[in-house]
Amino acid sequence: MYAVITGISKGLGRAIAVAFAQKGYHIIGCSREVAALIQFQQDLQTDFPHLSIFTRVADMADKKSVQHFAAFVQQHASQISVLVNNAGTFQPSSIQNETDNTLEQTLATNVYGAYYLTKALMPQFVTQKNGHIFNIGSIASRRTFDNCAAYTISKHALQGFSQVLREELKPQGVRVTTVLPGAIFTDSWSGSDIDPNRLMSAEDIAQIIVECHSLSSRTVVEEIVLRPQLGDL
């Protein structure tokens, strides 16, 4: 059993990888941060020496890099149980003040990366007639936030992609789930004055994903919405 996860070296991606490894899944992942990726692989292999852990540097905003990662996945995994499109980027912006390439850069990572990786691996899922694809959206897929223009647009687009993917793969036995979390305590919040207890933990989100996948193949959770107990920030 292989779980393929993008943006794996830290934060939510790392938590998801650990959660699946605890269930006995071999892990294939990518990140564009070389040092963090090397450290992640060393840590996970130490904690789970009986599992195969494969990693590759990849920039999800670059189509060729995404395609090379897809080929890397196919080289190591004859069957993929889980694909988690987790890699993402956030640049504070409003339509009035963002630079001309802010939206393009955000869409490239948050939408096109997931699209091209999923498209490259879809034939394998279709041949298997099983598997589970998770797209990590955001509560911003449902509502708007101040100073989050490009990010919100990209997450709405990702949700649309997930809905289309769900309909296309429904007859093939492949499940598709969109995960819409609110604020999670990750490195993006480090240095802020927000109390970590005000935010959700990455481990909680990872646990929900693993439990969702553990349901029988007759059942799919199409959307998971998670928010901090005290509400959005």
Protein backbone atom coordinates (compact mmCIF):
# COMPACT_ATOMS: atom_id res chain seq x y z
CA MET A 1 0.00 0.00 0.00
CA TYR A 2 1.43 3.36 -1.05
CA ALA A 3 0.36 6.84 -0.03
CA VAL A 4 1.55 9.66 -2.31
CA ILE A 5 1.66 13.07 -0.65
CA THR A 6 2.80 16.45 -1.98
CA GLY A 7 4.22 19.17 0.24
CA ILE A 8 5.33 16.41 2.55
CA SER A 9 8.33 17.80 4.41
CA LYS A 10 6.54 19.80 7.10
CA GLY A 11 3.22 20.97 8.48
CA LEU A 12 0.09 19.16 7.36
CA GLY A 13 1.86 17.09 4.70
CA ARG A 14 4.28 15.70 7.26
CA ALA A 15 1.45 14.92 9.70
CA ILE A 16 -0.48 13.09 6.97
CA ALA A 17 2.59 11.05 6.04
CA VAL A 18 3.17 10.04 9.66
CA ALA A 19 -0.49 9.09 10.10
CA PHE A 20 -0.46 6.82 7.05
CA ALA A 21 2.91 5.34 7.99
CA GLN A 22 1.46 4.42 11.38
CA LYS A 23 -1.15 2.40 9.48
CA GLY A 24 1.55 0.55 7.54
CA TYR A 25 1.51 2.50 4.28
CA HIS A 26 4.70 3.00 2.29
CA ILE A 27 5.20 6.68 1.55
CA ILE A 28 6.13 8.59 -1.61
CA GLY A 29 6.35 12.35 -1.29
CA CYS A 30 7.75 15.56 -2.65
CA SER A 31 8.67 19.04 -1.53
CA ARG A 32 10.56 21.90 -3.11
CA GLU A 33 12.64 22.44 0.06
CA VAL A 34 15.68 20.18 -0.26
CA ALA A 35 17.03 20.28 3.30
CA ALA A 36 13.61 19.83 4.89
CA LEU A 37 12.85 16.92 2.55
CA ILE A 38 16.10 15.14 3.40
CA GLN A 39 15.45 15.58 7.12
CA PHE A 40 11.88 14.37 6.75
CA GLN A 41 12.93 11.19 4.97
CA GLN A 42 15.60 10.46 7.58
CA ASP A 43 13.16 11.01 10.44
CA LEU A 44 10.38 8.90 8.94
CA GLN A 45 12.70 6.07 7.94
CA THR A 46 14.12 6.00 11.47
CA ASP A 47 10.64 5.83 13.00
CA PHE A 48 9.34 3.28 10.47
CA PRO A 49 12.34 1.18 9.36
CA HIS A 50 10.11 -1.56 7.91
CA LEU A 51 8.49 0.82 5.40
CA SER A 52 9.71 2.12 2.05
CA ILE A 53 10.03 5.92 2.07
CA PHE A 54 10.71 7.55 -1.30
CA THR A 55 11.06 11.30 -1.76
CA ARG A 56 11.89 13.65 -4.60
CA VAL A 57 12.36 17.38 -4.88
CA ALA A 58 9.54 18.84 -6.96
CA ASP A 59 8.03 22.26 -7.52
CA MET A 60 4.28 21.85 -7.91
CA ALA A 61 4.10 25.19 -9.72
CA ASP A 62 6.24 23.79 -12.55
CA LYS A 63 4.45 21.42 -14.93
CA LYS A 64 7.61 19.56 -15.98
CA SER A 65 8.64 19.09 -12.35
CA VAL A 66 5.19 17.70 -11.54
CA GLN A 67 5.36 15.29 -14.47
CA HIS A 68 8.82 14.12 -13.39
CA PHE A 69 7.47 13.46 -9.91
CA ALA A 70 4.56 11.49 -11.39
CA ALA A 71 7.05 9.33 -13.30
CA PHE A 72 9.00 8.86 -10.06
CA VAL A 73 5.82 7.66 -8.33
CA GLN A 74 5.06 5.20 -11.13
CA GLN A 75 8.61 3.91 -11.00
CA HIS A 76 8.27 2.94 -7.33
CA ALA A 77 4.58 2.07 -6.88
CA SER A 78 2.73 -0.42 -9.03
CA GLN A 79 -0.44 0.36 -7.09
CA ILE A 80 -1.37 3.62 -5.36
CA SER A 81 -3.82 3.45 -2.49
CA VAL A 82 -3.91 7.16 -1.65
CA LEU A 83 -2.98 10.42 -3.36
CA VAL A 84 -3.02 13.56 -1.21
CA ASN A 85 -2.69 16.82 -3.16
CA ASN A 86 -1.51 18.87 -0.22
CA ALA A 87 1.13 21.28 -1.54
CA GLY A 88 0.00 24.87 -1.48
CA THR A 89 1.09 28.46 -1.27
CA PHE A 90 -0.35 31.60 0.29
CA GLN A 91 0.51 35.21 -0.46
CA PRO A 92 -1.46 37.91 1.37
CA SER A 93 -3.12 40.06 -1.28
CA SER A 94 -6.20 41.90 -2.45
CA ILE A 95 -7.21 42.26 -6.08
CA GLN A 96 -6.54 45.98 -5.85
CA ASN A 97 -2.95 45.72 -4.64
CA GLU A 98 -1.57 42.35 -5.72
CA THR A 99 1.09 42.20 -8.42
CA ASP A 100 0.15 40.94 -11.88
CA ASN A 101 1.67 37.49 -11.31
CA THR A 102 0.32 36.80 -7.81
CA LEU A 103 -2.77 35.00 -9.07
CA GLU A 104 -0.81 33.06 -11.70
CA GLN A 105 1.76 31.87 -9.14
CA THR A 106 -0.91 30.88 -6.65
CA LEU A 107 -3.00 29.00 -9.20
CA ALA A 108 0.10 27.23 -10.51
CA THR A 109 0.84 25.66 -7.12
CA ASN A 110 -2.61 25.30 -5.61
CA VAL A 111 -4.53 24.15 -8.68
CA TYR A 112 -2.38 23.30 -11.70
CA GLY A 113 0.06 21.20 -9.65
CA ALA A 114 -2.77 19.06 -8.27
CA TYR A 115 -4.40 18.89 -11.70
CA TYR A 116 -1.32 17.73 -13.61
CA LEU A 117 -0.20 15.22 -10.97
CA THR A 118 -3.67 13.71 -10.71
CA LYS A 119 -4.04 13.63 -14.50
CA ALA A 120 -0.72 11.80 -14.85
CA LEU A 121 -1.67 9.19 -12.23
CA MET A 122 -5.32 8.76 -13.25
CA PRO A 123 -4.66 5.90 -15.72
CA GLN A 124 -3.15 3.92 -12.86
CA PHE A 125 -6.17 4.55 -10.63
CA VAL A 126 -8.55 3.64 -13.46
CA THR A 127 -6.68 0.40 -14.16
CA GLN A 128 -6.73 -0.49 -10.46
CA LYS A 129 -10.42 0.42 -10.16
CA ASN A 130 -9.79 1.57 -6.62
CA GLY A 131 -7.87 4.19 -4.65
CA HIS A 132 -8.60 7.44 -2.89
CA ILE A 133 -7.67 11.00 -3.89
CA PHE A 134 -7.70 13.77 -1.30
CA ASN A 135 -7.48 17.41 -2.35
CA ILE A 136 -6.54 19.74 0.48
CA GLY A 137 -8.61 22.86 0.00
CA SER A 138 -9.45 25.40 2.66
CA ILE A 139 -12.39 26.96 4.40
CA ALA A 140 -11.55 29.72 1.93
CA SER A 141 -13.04 27.38 -0.67
CA ARG A 142 -16.40 28.33 0.84
CA ARG A 143 -16.04 31.90 2.08
CA THR A 144 -13.84 34.94 1.61
CA PHE A 145 -11.31 36.43 3.98
CA ASP A 146 -9.67 39.84 3.99
CA ASN A 147 -6.36 40.07 2.16
CA CYS A 148 -6.65 36.56 0.68
CA ALA A 149 -7.75 37.28 -2.88
CA ALA A 150 -5.54 34.99 -4.97
CA TYR A 151 -5.58 32.25 -2.35
CA THR A 152 -9.37 32.27 -2.11
CA ILE A 153 -9.76 32.19 -5.89
CA SER A 154 -7.36 29.25 -6.12
CA LYS A 155 -9.11 27.26 -3.40
CA HIS A 156 -12.50 27.78 -5.03
CA ALA A 157 -10.97 26.47 -8.26
CA LEU A 158 -9.51 23.46 -6.46
CA GLN A 159 -12.92 22.60 -5.06
CA GLY A 160 -14.36 22.73 -8.58
CA PHE A 161 -11.58 20.43 -9.76
CA SER A 162 -12.42 17.99 -6.97
CA GLN A 163 -16.09 17.96 -7.87
CA VAL A 164 -15.33 17.24 -11.53
CA LEU A 165 -12.86 14.54 -10.54
CA ARG A 166 -15.41 12.91 -8.26
CA GLU A 167 -17.92 12.59 -11.11
CA GLU A 168 -15.36 11.29 -13.60
CA LEU A 169 -13.93 8.65 -11.27
CA LYS A 170 -17.18 7.57 -9.62
CA PRO A 171 -17.78 4.70 -12.10
CA GLN A 172 -14.15 3.58 -11.78
CA GLY A 173 -14.33 2.79 -8.06
CA VAL A 174 -11.95 5.63 -7.18
CA ARG A 175 -12.99 7.82 -4.26
CA VAL A 176 -12.40 11.59 -4.20
CA THR A 177 -12.55 13.71 -1.05
CA THR A 178 -12.09 17.45 -0.64
CA VAL A 179 -10.71 18.54 2.74
CA LEU A 180 -11.65 22.08 3.80
CA PRO A 181 -9.79 23.00 6.98
CA GLY A 182 -9.74 26.30 8.80
CA ALA A 183 -6.64 27.64 10.50
CA ILE A 184 -4.07 24.97 11.39
CA PHE A 185 -1.06 25.59 13.63
CA THR A 186 1.83 25.15 11.20
CA ASP A 187 4.98 27.10 10.35
CA SER A 188 2.90 29.69 8.52
CA TRP A 189 1.62 30.87 11.93
CA SER A 190 5.00 30.80 13.68
CA GLY A 191 6.07 34.23 14.83
CA SER A 192 2.49 35.42 15.13
CA ASP A 193 0.91 36.33 18.44
CA ILE A 194 -1.90 33.79 17.98
CA ASP A 195 -2.26 31.28 20.81
CA PRO A 196 -1.54 27.83 19.31
CA ASN A 197 -4.51 26.49 21.29
CA ARG A 198 -6.74 28.78 19.20
CA LEU A 199 -5.81 26.80 16.07
CA MET A 200 -6.35 23.23 14.99
CA SER A 201 -3.50 20.73 15.06
CA ALA A 202 -2.15 19.21 11.85
CA GLU A 203 -2.34 15.81 13.54
CA ASP A 204 -6.12 16.16 13.97
CA ILE A 205 -6.58 16.87 10.26
CA ALA A 206 -4.32 13.94 9.35
CA GLN A 207 -6.29 11.61 11.61
CA ILE A 208 -9.58 12.53 9.96
CA ILE A 209 -8.09 11.87 6.51
CA VAL A 210 -6.82 8.43 7.50
CA GLU A 211 -10.13 7.53 9.15
CA CYS A 212 -12.04 8.71 6.09
CA HIS A 213 -9.90 6.48 3.89
CA SER A 214 -10.47 3.51 6.21
CA LEU A 215 -14.19 3.37 5.39
CA SER A 216 -15.28 0.58 3.08
CA SER A 217 -15.02 1.14 -0.66
CA ARG A 218 -18.82 1.36 -0.78
CA THR A 219 -18.73 4.72 1.00
CA VAL A 220 -17.07 8.03 0.16
CA VAL A 221 -16.94 11.20 2.22
CA GLU A 222 -17.09 13.85 -0.49
CA GLU A 223 -16.19 16.82 1.74
CA ILE A 224 -14.64 17.25 5.15
CA VAL A 225 -15.04 20.68 6.77
CA LEU A 226 -12.99 21.36 9.89
CA ARG A 227 -12.76 24.56 11.89
CA PRO A 228 -11.13 25.65 15.16
CA GLN A 229 -13.57 25.16 18.02
CA LEU A 230 -13.81 28.93 18.56
CA GLY A 231 -14.40 29.58 14.86
CA ASP A 232 -12.44 31.07 11.97
CA LEU A 233 -9.77 33.68 12.50
